[in-house]
């Protein structure tokens, strides 16, 4: 059945992920356009599918570069599966895709800070990445807590590491302010914003967000109560660091989502990658192939029915 296609990271798994992603993307396009698939919608769907597939492949490539990766073949299924649960906005926002990829890359830079000989240089890189994403939305300054947590450790508590952390924090915003008058607002506007508190309101929530909360709650549960053995204290510390980084990312996304500290549409965009990451770990931890298959099929069927009803494609 489905899970057998993703037992190992092979060409079969990649091809299955491509096909599954195609089906999910076009189903979402079908629902968002109220059961209509015109030539224009099909072209947009193909473009989004290519972007989504490249997004998954880039994440897979980054994961494969590091020995302490927690990523495996089941995640090739988890990303399109969780995308089906996601509360979808009006369209594709490229800047948010770059934001997600930068955060994925920062996970591995974080590991290099802790477990490489050139920790100061890698700390500079980590601080630089976070300074870039703060340009997009300064509420993302919450990610500065990660390098700050590193700096309080005795090993990194010196002028060299502190300087490497502070240089990007200080000079990246200065550089952006310097070029802000040169580059048109239409280009930079979507990448430069200030925090606007918009507290969560049950009355303005869509039904899709309730479905997404199920995924978030399960992901949160996994970070605390369902850690696989490879992430326990007696295991490889590099595995633990990757797991902890993604846990922080999930917690931050929940906080920012509930407070409404997002830019444009997509209150829960930041939670998509860590949610898919932890759901993949959850699926990998289930020993019974039969249980995995039934769980995935049940999730697919119920979510498809829910989406058809939620987008008024099917009226009850």
C-alpha atoms as a PDB file:
ATOM      1  CA  UNK A   1       0.000   0.000   0.000  1.00  0.00           C
ATOM      2  CA  UNK A   2       0.983   3.669   0.309  1.00  0.00           C
ATOM      3  CA  UNK A   3       3.595   3.316   3.023  1.00  0.00           C
ATOM      4  CA  UNK A   4       5.483   0.637   1.072  1.00  0.00           C
ATOM      5  CA  UNK A   5       6.447   3.267  -1.495  1.00  0.00           C
ATOM      6  CA  UNK A   6       8.302   5.249   1.188  1.00  0.00           C
ATOM      7  CA  UNK A   7      10.176   2.527   3.060  1.00  0.00           C
ATOM      8  CA  UNK A   8      13.529   3.729   1.698  1.00  0.00           C
ATOM      9  CA  UNK A   9      14.811   6.900   0.043  1.00  0.00           C
ATOM     10  CA  UNK A  10      14.843   5.557  -3.506  1.00  0.00           C
ATOM     11  CA  UNK A  11      13.791   6.811  -6.917  1.00  0.00           C
ATOM     12  CA  UNK A  12      10.464   5.071  -6.299  1.00  0.00           C
ATOM     13  CA  UNK A  13       9.946   7.166  -3.169  1.00  0.00           C
ATOM     14  CA  UNK A  14      10.854  10.392  -5.001  1.00  0.00           C
ATOM     15  CA  UNK A  15       8.553   9.571  -7.916  1.00  0.00           C
ATOM     16  CA  UNK A  16       5.724   8.673  -5.536  1.00  0.00           C
ATOM     17  CA  UNK A  17       6.235  11.958  -3.698  1.00  0.00           C
ATOM     18  CA  UNK A  18       6.104  13.885  -6.994  1.00  0.00           C
ATOM     19  CA  UNK A  19       2.852  12.192  -8.007  1.00  0.00           C
ATOM     20  CA  UNK A  20       1.281  12.575  -4.565  1.00  0.00           C
ATOM     21  CA  UNK A  21       2.311  16.251  -4.433  1.00  0.00           C
ATOM     22  CA  UNK A  22       0.781  16.765  -7.885  1.00  0.00           C
ATOM     23  CA  UNK A  23      -2.515  15.259  -6.755  1.00  0.00           C
ATOM     24  CA  UNK A  24      -2.587  17.299  -3.543  1.00  0.00           C
ATOM     25  CA  UNK A  25      -1.710  20.599  -5.241  1.00  0.00           C
ATOM     26  CA  UNK A  26      -4.343  20.204  -7.946  1.00  0.00           C
ATOM     27  CA  UNK A  27      -6.953  19.048  -5.474  1.00  0.00           C
ATOM     28  CA  UNK A  28      -6.348  22.210  -3.445  1.00  0.00           C
ATOM     29  CA  UNK A  29      -6.539  24.316  -6.629  1.00  0.00           C
ATOM     30  CA  UNK A  30      -9.772  22.528  -7.527  1.00  0.00           C
ATOM     31  CA  UNK A  31     -11.278  23.303  -4.118  1.00  0.00           C
ATOM     32  CA  UNK A  32     -10.085  26.921  -3.981  1.00  0.00           C
ATOM     33  CA  UNK A  33     -11.729  27.569  -7.356  1.00  0.00           C
ATOM     34  CA  UNK A  34     -15.009  25.958  -6.300  1.00  0.00           C
ATOM     35  CA  UNK A  35     -14.720  22.896  -8.492  1.00  0.00           C
ATOM     36  CA  UNK A  36     -13.544  24.708 -11.627  1.00  0.00           C
ATOM     37  CA  UNK A  37     -10.269  23.937 -13.441  1.00  0.00           C
ATOM     38  CA  UNK A  38      -9.689  26.373 -16.303  1.00  0.00           C
ATOM     39  CA  UNK A  39      -6.520  26.557 -18.409  1.00  0.00           C
ATOM     40  CA  UNK A  40      -5.317  29.498 -16.318  1.00  0.00           C
ATOM     41  CA  UNK A  41      -5.888  27.602 -13.084  1.00  0.00           C
ATOM     42  CA  UNK A  42      -4.119  24.513 -14.460  1.00  0.00           C
ATOM     43  CA  UNK A  43      -1.086  26.600 -15.465  1.00  0.00           C
ATOM     44  CA  UNK A  44      -0.975  28.190 -12.010  1.00  0.00           C
ATOM     45  CA  UNK A  45      -1.334  24.747 -10.455  1.00  0.00           C
ATOM     46  CA  UNK A  46       1.570  23.378 -12.479  1.00  0.00           C
ATOM     47  CA  UNK A  47       3.721  26.337 -11.464  1.00  0.00           C
ATOM     48  CA  UNK A  48       2.845  25.893  -7.797  1.00  0.00           C
ATOM     49  CA  UNK A  49       3.467  22.139  -8.041  1.00  0.00           C
ATOM     50  CA  UNK A  50       6.958  22.742  -9.454  1.00  0.00           C
ATOM     51  CA  UNK A  51       7.706  25.232  -6.658  1.00  0.00           C
ATOM     52  CA  UNK A  52       6.371  22.847  -4.016  1.00  0.00           C
ATOM     53  CA  UNK A  53       8.381  19.901  -5.368  1.00  0.00           C
ATOM     54  CA  UNK A  54      11.556  21.995  -5.531  1.00  0.00           C
ATOM     55  CA  UNK A  55      10.842  23.082  -1.966  1.00  0.00           C
ATOM     56  CA  UNK A  56      10.707  19.446  -0.804  1.00  0.00           C
ATOM     57  CA  UNK A  57      13.809  18.510  -2.811  1.00  0.00           C
ATOM     58  CA  UNK A  58      15.831  21.397  -1.367  1.00  0.00           C
ATOM     59  CA  UNK A  59      14.858  20.368   2.161  1.00  0.00           C
ATOM     60  CA  UNK A  60      15.761  16.753   1.356  1.00  0.00           C
ATOM     61  CA  UNK A  61      19.123  17.852  -0.047  1.00  0.00           C
ATOM     62  CA  UNK A  62      19.933  19.950   3.016  1.00  0.00           C
ATOM     63  CA  UNK A  63      18.973  17.073   5.292  1.00  0.00           C
ATOM     64  CA  UNK A  64      21.138  14.605   3.358  1.00  0.00           C
ATOM     65  CA  UNK A  65      24.254  16.751   3.842  1.00  0.00           C
ATOM     66  CA  UNK A  66      24.399  16.222   7.579  1.00  0.00           C
ATOM     67  CA  UNK A  67      24.956  13.051   9.543  1.00  0.00           C
ATOM     68  CA  UNK A  68      22.728  14.255  12.383  1.00  0.00           C
ATOM     69  CA  UNK A  69      19.669  14.607  10.133  1.00  0.00           C
ATOM     70  CA  UNK A  70      16.341  13.385  11.536  1.00  0.00           C
ATOM     71  CA  UNK A  71      14.861  13.282   8.056  1.00  0.00           C
ATOM     72  CA  UNK A  72      14.020  10.021   6.290  1.00  0.00           C
ATOM     73  CA  UNK A  73      12.006   8.706   3.362  1.00  0.00           C
ATOM     74  CA  UNK A  74       8.667   8.984   5.160  1.00  0.00           C
ATOM     75  CA  UNK A  75       9.013  12.777   5.070  1.00  0.00           C
ATOM     76  CA  UNK A  76       8.659  12.645   1.287  1.00  0.00           C
ATOM     77  CA  UNK A  77       5.104  11.561   2.077  1.00  0.00           C
ATOM     78  CA  UNK A  78       4.623  13.735   5.168  1.00  0.00           C
ATOM     79  CA  UNK A  79       5.124  17.098   3.433  1.00  0.00           C
ATOM     80  CA  UNK A  80       2.399  16.723   0.773  1.00  0.00           C
ATOM     81  CA  UNK A  81       0.151  14.950   3.287  1.00  0.00           C
ATOM     82  CA  UNK A  82       0.403  17.773   5.815  1.00  0.00           C
ATOM     83  CA  UNK A  83       0.012  20.331   3.030  1.00  0.00           C
ATOM     84  CA  UNK A  84      -3.443  18.852   2.494  1.00  0.00           C
ATOM     85  CA  UNK A  85      -4.335  19.753   6.096  1.00  0.00           C
ATOM     86  CA  UNK A  86      -2.937  23.274   5.847  1.00  0.00           C
ATOM     87  CA  UNK A  87      -5.363  26.266   5.818  1.00  0.00           C
ATOM     88  CA  UNK A  88      -4.662  27.660   2.359  1.00  0.00           C
ATOM     89  CA  UNK A  89      -4.565  31.354   1.519  1.00  0.00           C
ATOM     90  CA  UNK A  90      -5.433  33.029  -1.790  1.00  0.00           C
ATOM     91  CA  UNK A  91      -2.149  32.284  -3.556  1.00  0.00           C
ATOM     92  CA  UNK A  92       1.574  31.548  -3.613  1.00  0.00           C
ATOM     93  CA  UNK A  93       3.852  33.944  -1.725  1.00  0.00           C
ATOM     94  CA  UNK A  94       7.430  33.403  -2.886  1.00  0.00           C
ATOM     95  CA  UNK A  95       8.958  35.448  -0.056  1.00  0.00           C
ATOM     96  CA  UNK A  96       7.502  33.019   2.497  1.00  0.00           C
ATOM     97  CA  UNK A  97       9.023  30.075   0.642  1.00  0.00           C
ATOM     98  CA  UNK A  98      12.454  31.703   0.906  1.00  0.00           C
ATOM     99  CA  UNK A  99      11.763  32.372   4.576  1.00  0.00           C
ATOM    100  CA  UNK A 100      11.021  28.691   5.155  1.00  0.00           C
ATOM    101  CA  UNK A 101      14.158  27.576   3.329  1.00  0.00           C
ATOM    102  CA  UNK A 102      16.333  30.008   5.293  1.00  0.00           C
ATOM    103  CA  UNK A 103      14.979  28.610   8.549  1.00  0.00           C
ATOM    104  CA  UNK A 104      15.585  25.046   7.355  1.00  0.00           C
ATOM    105  CA  UNK A 105      19.167  25.960   6.522  1.00  0.00           C
ATOM    106  CA  UNK A 106      19.599  27.705   9.877  1.00  0.00           C
ATOM    107  CA  UNK A 107      18.855  24.395  11.596  1.00  0.00           C
ATOM    108  CA  UNK A 108      22.015  22.918  10.153  1.00  0.00           C
ATOM    109  CA  UNK A 109      24.078  26.007  10.802  1.00  0.00           C
ATOM    110  CA  UNK A 110      22.916  25.701  14.407  1.00  0.00           C
ATOM    111  CA  UNK A 111      24.302  22.162  14.516  1.00  0.00           C
ATOM    112  CA  UNK A 112      27.593  23.331  13.025  1.00  0.00           C
ATOM    113  CA  UNK A 113      27.904  25.970  15.740  1.00  0.00           C
ATOM    114  CA  UNK A 114      27.669  23.271  18.386  1.00  0.00           C
ATOM    115  CA  UNK A 115      29.660  20.494  16.740  1.00  0.00           C
ATOM    116  CA  UNK A 116      32.268  22.023  14.425  1.00  0.00           C
ATOM    117  CA  UNK A 117      35.684  23.526  15.129  1.00  0.00           C
ATOM    118  CA  UNK A 118      34.764  26.900  13.620  1.00  0.00           C
ATOM    119  CA  UNK A 119      31.911  27.742  15.965  1.00  0.00           C
ATOM    120  CA  UNK A 120      32.445  31.531  15.828  1.00  0.00           C
ATOM    121  CA  UNK A 121      32.113  31.692  12.044  1.00  0.00           C
ATOM    122  CA  UNK A 122      29.020  29.483  12.119  1.00  0.00           C
ATOM    123  CA  UNK A 123      27.502  31.593  14.880  1.00  0.00           C
ATOM    124  CA  UNK A 124      28.003  34.624  12.628  1.00  0.00           C
ATOM    125  CA  UNK A 125      26.196  32.780   9.818  1.00  0.00           C
ATOM    126  CA  UNK A 126      23.343  31.823  12.133  1.00  0.00           C
ATOM    127  CA  UNK A 127      22.964  35.390  13.363  1.00  0.00           C
ATOM    128  CA  UNK A 128      23.112  36.651   9.770  1.00  0.00           C
ATOM    129  CA  UNK A 129      20.274  34.333   8.693  1.00  0.00           C
ATOM    130  CA  UNK A 130      18.092  35.395  11.597  1.00  0.00           C
ATOM    131  CA  UNK A 131      18.846  39.063  10.875  1.00  0.00           C
ATOM    132  CA  UNK A 132      17.650  38.533   7.295  1.00  0.00           C
ATOM    133  CA  UNK A 133      14.349  36.959   8.319  1.00  0.00           C
ATOM    134  CA  UNK A 134      13.768  39.762  10.828  1.00  0.00           C
ATOM    135  CA  UNK A 135      13.763  42.125   7.839  1.00  0.00           C
ATOM    136  CA  UNK A 136      10.750  40.235   6.531  1.00  0.00           C
ATOM    137  CA  UNK A 137       8.934  40.382   9.866  1.00  0.00           C
ATOM    138  CA  UNK A 138      10.578  41.746  12.979  1.00  0.00           C
ATOM    139  CA  UNK A 139       8.462  39.539  15.232  1.00  0.00           C
ATOM    140  CA  UNK A 140      10.760  36.757  13.995  1.00  0.00           C
ATOM    141  CA  UNK A 141      13.387  38.262  16.301  1.00  0.00           C
ATOM    142  CA  UNK A 142      12.181  35.519  18.642  1.00  0.00           C
ATOM    143  CA  UNK A 143      14.674  33.268  16.817  1.00  0.00           C
ATOM    144  CA  UNK A 144      17.521  35.335  18.290  1.00  0.00           C
ATOM    145  CA  UNK A 145      16.835  33.367  21.471  1.00  0.00           C
ATOM    146  CA  UNK A 146      18.624  30.416  19.841  1.00  0.00           C
ATOM    147  CA  UNK A 147      22.071  32.067  19.463  1.00  0.00           C
ATOM    148  CA  UNK A 148      21.565  33.792  22.813  1.00  0.00           C
ATOM    149  CA  UNK A 149      21.048  30.373  24.400  1.00  0.00           C
ATOM    150  CA  UNK A 150      24.339  29.305  22.830  1.00  0.00           C
ATOM    151  CA  UNK A 151      26.181  32.355  24.157  1.00  0.00           C
ATOM    152  CA  UNK A 152      25.243  31.684  27.769  1.00  0.00           C
ATOM    153  CA  UNK A 153      27.092  28.360  27.622  1.00  0.00           C
ATOM    154  CA  UNK A 154      30.573  28.542  29.124  1.00  0.00           C
ATOM    155  CA  UNK A 155      32.248  27.287  25.948  1.00  0.00           C
ATOM    156  CA  UNK A 156      30.961  30.243  23.889  1.00  0.00           C
ATOM    157  CA  UNK A 157      30.975  32.934  26.556  1.00  0.00           C
ATOM    158  CA  UNK A 158      33.737  35.151  25.135  1.00  0.00           C
ATOM    159  CA  UNK A 159      34.222  38.361  23.135  1.00  0.00           C
ATOM    160  CA  UNK A 160      34.843  36.531  19.864  1.00  0.00           C
ATOM    161  CA  UNK A 161      31.525  34.695  19.847  1.00  0.00           C
ATOM    162  CA  UNK A 162      29.619  37.708  21.169  1.00  0.00           C
ATOM    163  CA  UNK A 163      31.057  39.876  18.388  1.00  0.00           C
ATOM    164  CA  UNK A 164      30.144  37.311  15.737  1.00  0.00           C
ATOM    165  CA  UNK A 165      26.581  37.327  17.029  1.00  0.00           C
ATOM    166  CA  UNK A 166      26.227  41.114  17.274  1.00  0.00           C
ATOM    167  CA  UNK A 167      27.748  42.125  13.921  1.00  0.00           C
ATOM    168  CA  UNK A 168      24.825  40.874  11.767  1.00  0.00           C
ATOM    169  CA  UNK A 169      22.266  42.036  14.333  1.00  0.00           C
ATOM    170  CA  UNK A 170      23.616  45.588  14.092  1.00  0.00           C
ATOM    171  CA  UNK A 171      24.757  45.948  10.498  1.00  0.00           C
ATOM    172  CA  UNK A 172      22.120  44.025   8.506  1.00  0.00           C
ATOM    173  CA  UNK A 173      19.351  46.500   9.517  1.00  0.00           C
ATOM    174  CA  UNK A 174      21.740  49.410   8.871  1.00  0.00           C
ATOM    175  CA  UNK A 175      22.434  48.093   5.377  1.00  0.00           C
ATOM    176  CA  UNK A 176      18.729  47.622   4.686  1.00  0.00           C
ATOM    177  CA  UNK A 177      17.950  51.170   5.806  1.00  0.00           C
ATOM    178  CA  UNK A 178      20.748  52.427   3.549  1.00  0.00           C
ATOM    179  CA  UNK A 179      19.311  50.800   0.427  1.00  0.00           C
ATOM    180  CA  UNK A 180      15.656  51.335   1.300  1.00  0.00           C
ATOM    181  CA  UNK A 181      15.577  54.681  -0.507  1.00  0.00           C
ATOM    182  CA  UNK A 182      17.230  53.192  -3.597  1.00  0.00           C
ATOM    183  CA  UNK A 183      15.070  50.107  -4.167  1.00  0.00           C
ATOM    184  CA  UNK A 184      11.390  50.781  -4.976  1.00  0.00           C
ATOM    185  CA  UNK A 185       8.868  50.049  -2.251  1.00  0.00           C
ATOM    186  CA  UNK A 186       7.059  47.618  -4.549  1.00  0.00           C
ATOM    187  CA  UNK A 187      10.135  45.370  -4.459  1.00  0.00           C
ATOM    188  CA  UNK A 188      11.187  45.668  -0.833  1.00  0.00           C
ATOM    189  CA  UNK A 189       7.817  46.252   0.751  1.00  0.00           C
ATOM    190  CA  UNK A 190       6.932  42.584   1.206  1.00  0.00           C
ATOM    191  CA  UNK A 191      10.331  41.884   2.774  1.00  0.00           C
ATOM    192  CA  UNK A 192      10.399  44.718   5.269  1.00  0.00           C
ATOM    193  CA  UNK A 193       7.733  45.126   7.911  1.00  0.00           C
ATOM    194  CA  UNK A 194       7.102  45.976  11.515  1.00  0.00           C
ATOM    195  CA  UNK A 195       5.306  44.051  14.198  1.00  0.00           C
ATOM    196  CA  UNK A 196       1.569  44.603  14.393  1.00  0.00           C
ATOM    197  CA  UNK A 197      -0.152  42.781  17.215  1.00  0.00           C
ATOM    198  CA  UNK A 198      -3.370  41.127  16.051  1.00  0.00           C
ATOM    199  CA  UNK A 199      -4.674  38.930  18.822  1.00  0.00           C
ATOM    200  CA  UNK A 200      -6.298  35.695  17.817  1.00  0.00           C
ATOM    201  CA  UNK A 201     -10.079  35.893  17.472  1.00  0.00           C
ATOM    202  CA  UNK A 202     -12.243  32.774  17.341  1.00  0.00           C
ATOM    203  CA  UNK A 203     -14.870  34.653  15.329  1.00  0.00           C
ATOM    204  CA  UNK A 204     -12.627  35.302  12.337  1.00  0.00           C
ATOM    205  CA  UNK A 205     -11.189  31.788  12.140  1.00  0.00           C
ATOM    206  CA  UNK A 206     -11.921  29.512   9.184  1.00  0.00           C
ATOM    207  CA  UNK A 207     -12.935  25.876   9.549  1.00  0.00           C
ATOM    208  CA  UNK A 208      -9.631  24.875   7.933  1.00  0.00           C
ATOM    209  CA  UNK A 209      -7.765  26.324  10.901  1.00  0.00           C
ATOM    210  CA  UNK A 210      -9.564  23.953  13.263  1.00  0.00           C
ATOM    211  CA  UNK A 211      -8.312  21.074  11.125  1.00  0.00           C
ATOM    212  CA  UNK A 212      -4.807  22.520  11.253  1.00  0.00           C
ATOM    213  CA  UNK A 213      -4.976  22.720  15.049  1.00  0.00           C
ATOM    214  CA  UNK A 214      -5.242  18.946  15.142  1.00  0.00           C
ATOM    215  CA  UNK A 215      -1.905  18.737  13.323  1.00  0.00           C
ATOM    216  CA  UNK A 216      -0.323  21.373  15.582  1.00  0.00           C
ATOM    217  CA  UNK A 217      -1.543  19.689  18.771  1.00  0.00           C
ATOM    218  CA  UNK A 218      -0.217  16.316  17.600  1.00  0.00           C
ATOM    219  CA  UNK A 219       3.118  17.898  16.643  1.00  0.00           C
ATOM    220  CA  UNK A 220       3.326  19.620  20.026  1.00  0.00           C
ATOM    221  CA  UNK A 221       2.578  16.316  21.732  1.00  0.00           C
ATOM    222  CA  UNK A 222       5.378  14.608  19.789  1.00  0.00           C
ATOM    223  CA  UNK A 223       7.944  17.220  20.850  1.00  0.00           C
ATOM    224  CA  UNK A 224       7.254  16.517  24.517  1.00  0.00           C
ATOM    225  CA  UNK A 225       5.877  13.020  24.997  1.00  0.00           C
ATOM    226  CA  UNK A 226       6.756  11.043  21.893  1.00  0.00           C
ATOM    227  CA  UNK A 227      10.449  11.484  21.282  1.00  0.00           C
ATOM    228  CA  UNK A 228      11.897   8.498  19.388  1.00  0.00           C
ATOM    229  CA  UNK A 229      14.742   6.662  21.109  1.00  0.00           C
ATOM    230  CA  UNK A 230      17.320   8.256  18.830  1.00  0.00           C
ATOM    231  CA  UNK A 231      16.582  11.600  20.474  1.00  0.00           C
ATOM    232  CA  UNK A 232      16.811  10.533  24.122  1.00  0.00           C
ATOM    233  CA  UNK A 233      19.610  11.809  26.325  1.00  0.00           C
ATOM    234  CA  UNK A 234      21.771   8.717  25.856  1.00  0.00           C
ATOM    235  CA  UNK A 235      21.769   9.078  22.061  1.00  0.00           C
ATOM    236  CA  UNK A 236      23.739  11.174  19.579  1.00  0.00           C
ATOM    237  CA  UNK A 237      23.726  14.795  20.848  1.00  0.00           C
ATOM    238  CA  UNK A 238      23.638  16.074  17.263  1.00  0.00           C
ATOM    239  CA  UNK A 239      20.286  14.352  16.757  1.00  0.00           C
ATOM    240  CA  UNK A 240      19.015  15.977  19.916  1.00  0.00           C
ATOM    241  CA  UNK A 241      20.105  19.447  18.763  1.00  0.00           C
ATOM    242  CA  UNK A 242      18.208  19.092  15.479  1.00  0.00           C
ATOM    243  CA  UNK A 243      15.104  17.883  17.283  1.00  0.00           C
ATOM    244  CA  UNK A 244      15.319  20.733  19.797  1.00  0.00           C
ATOM    245  CA  UNK A 245      15.761  23.339  17.051  1.00  0.00           C
ATOM    246  CA  UNK A 246      12.637  22.137  15.261  1.00  0.00           C
ATOM    247  CA  UNK A 247      10.760  22.041  18.570  1.00  0.00           C
ATOM    248  CA  UNK A 248      11.630  25.685  19.198  1.00  0.00           C
ATOM    249  CA  UNK A 249      10.553  26.534  15.642  1.00  0.00           C
ATOM    250  CA  UNK A 250       7.183  24.866  16.242  1.00  0.00           C
ATOM    251  CA  UNK A 251       6.675  26.626  19.589  1.00  0.00           C
ATOM    252  CA  UNK A 252       7.607  29.992  18.060  1.00  0.00           C
ATOM    253  CA  UNK A 253       5.196  29.450  15.168  1.00  0.00           C
ATOM    254  CA  UNK A 254       2.372  28.668  17.595  1.00  0.00           C
ATOM    255  CA  UNK A 255       3.060  31.790  19.664  1.00  0.00           C
ATOM    256  CA  UNK A 256       3.307  34.064  16.622  1.00  0.00           C
ATOM    257  CA  UNK A 257       0.238  32.438  15.077  1.00  0.00           C
ATOM    258  CA  UNK A 258      -1.966  32.934  18.122  1.00  0.00           C
ATOM    259  CA  UNK A 259      -0.805  36.531  18.543  1.00  0.00           C
ATOM    260  CA  UNK A 260      -1.311  37.239  14.845  1.00  0.00           C
ATOM    261  CA  UNK A 261       2.277  38.429  14.360  1.00  0.00           C
ATOM    262  CA  UNK A 262       2.365  37.512  10.683  1.00  0.00           C
ATOM    263  CA  UNK A 263       2.805  39.428   7.443  1.00  0.00           C
ATOM    264  CA  UNK A 264      -0.054  39.279   4.960  1.00  0.00           C
ATOM    265  CA  UNK A 265      -2.102  36.101   4.609  1.00  0.00           C
ATOM    266  CA  UNK A 266      -1.068  32.849   6.219  1.00  0.00           C
ATOM    267  CA  UNK A 267      -1.226  33.096   9.991  1.00  0.00           C
ATOM    268  CA  UNK A 268       0.070  29.537  10.353  1.00  0.00           C
ATOM    269  CA  UNK A 269       2.594  29.411   7.506  1.00  0.00           C
ATOM    270  CA  UNK A 270       5.558  29.269   9.892  1.00  0.00           C
ATOM    271  CA  UNK A 271       4.213  26.085  11.487  1.00  0.00           C
ATOM    272  CA  UNK A 272       3.984  24.073   8.253  1.00  0.00           C
ATOM    273  CA  UNK A 273       7.591  22.811   8.043  1.00  0.00           C
ATOM    274  CA  UNK A 274       8.016  21.791  11.714  1.00  0.00           C
ATOM    275  CA  UNK A 275       4.553  20.192  11.677  1.00  0.00           C
ATOM    276  CA  UNK A 276       5.447  18.078   8.620  1.00  0.00           C
ATOM    277  CA  UNK A 277       8.799  17.276  10.252  1.00  0.00           C
ATOM    278  CA  UNK A 278       7.235  15.951  13.471  1.00  0.00           C
ATOM    279  CA  UNK A 279       4.370  14.141  11.740  1.00  0.00           C
ATOM    280  CA  UNK A 280       7.024  12.373   9.652  1.00  0.00           C
ATOM    281  CA  UNK A 281       8.817  11.338  12.839  1.00  0.00           C
ATOM    282  CA  UNK A 282       5.511  10.146  14.292  1.00  0.00           C
ATOM    283  CA  UNK A 283       4.764   8.011  11.224  1.00  0.00           C
ATOM    284  CA  UNK A 284       8.304   6.600  11.240  1.00  0.00           C
ATOM    285  CA  UNK A 285       7.895   5.586  14.892  1.00  0.00           C
ATOM    286  CA  UNK A 286       4.857   3.404  14.154  1.00  0.00           C
ATOM    287  CA  UNK A 287       6.155  -0.138  13.737  1.00  0.00           C
ATOM    288  CA  UNK A 288       3.109  -1.675  12.105  1.00  0.00           C
ATOM    289  CA  UNK A 289       2.928  -1.029   8.361  1.00  0.00           C
ATOM    290  CA  UNK A 290      -0.769  -1.874   8.440  1.00  0.00           C
ATOM    291  CA  UNK A 291      -1.469   0.764  11.089  1.00  0.00           C
ATOM    292  CA  UNK A 292       0.498   3.352   9.105  1.00  0.00           C
ATOM    293  CA  UNK A 293      -1.461   2.605   5.947  1.00  0.00           C
ATOM    294  CA  UNK A 294      -4.838   2.774   7.665  1.00  0.00           C
ATOM    295  CA  UNK A 295      -3.890   5.976   9.474  1.00  0.00           C
ATOM    296  CA  UNK A 296      -2.746   7.645   6.242  1.00  0.00           C
ATOM    297  CA  UNK A 297      -5.812   6.479   4.300  1.00  0.00           C
ATOM    298  CA  UNK A 298      -8.144   7.652   7.065  1.00  0.00           C
ATOM    299  CA  UNK A 299      -6.391  11.046   7.134  1.00  0.00           C
ATOM    300  CA  UNK A 300      -6.625  11.384   3.350  1.00  0.00           C
ATOM    301  CA  UNK A 301     -10.290  10.442   3.120  1.00  0.00           C
ATOM    302  CA  UNK A 302     -11.468  12.617   6.014  1.00  0.00           C
ATOM    303  CA  UNK A 303      -9.396  15.622   4.925  1.00  0.00           C
ATOM    304  CA  UNK A 304     -10.540  15.402   1.298  1.00  0.00           C
ATOM    305  CA  UNK A 305     -14.179  15.277   2.406  1.00  0.00           C
ATOM    306  CA  UNK A 306     -13.617  18.160   4.821  1.00  0.00           C
ATOM    307  CA  UNK A 307     -11.947  20.320   2.148  1.00  0.00           C
ATOM    308  CA  UNK A 308     -14.710  19.661  -0.383  1.00  0.00           C
ATOM    309  CA  UNK A 309     -17.308  20.761   2.152  1.00  0.00           C
ATOM    310  CA  UNK A 310     -15.270  23.654   3.552  1.00  0.00           C
ATOM    311  CA  UNK A 311     -14.704  25.191   0.098  1.00  0.00           C
ATOM    312  CA  UNK A 312     -18.377  24.625  -0.803  1.00  0.00           C
ATOM    313  CA  UNK A 313     -17.481  22.293  -3.659  1.00  0.00           C
ATOM    314  CA  UNK A 314     -19.913  19.808  -2.126  1.00  0.00           C
ATOM    315  CA  UNK A 315     -23.012  21.119  -0.400  1.00  0.00           C
ATOM    316  CA  UNK A 316     -24.732  19.133   2.309  1.00  0.00           C
END
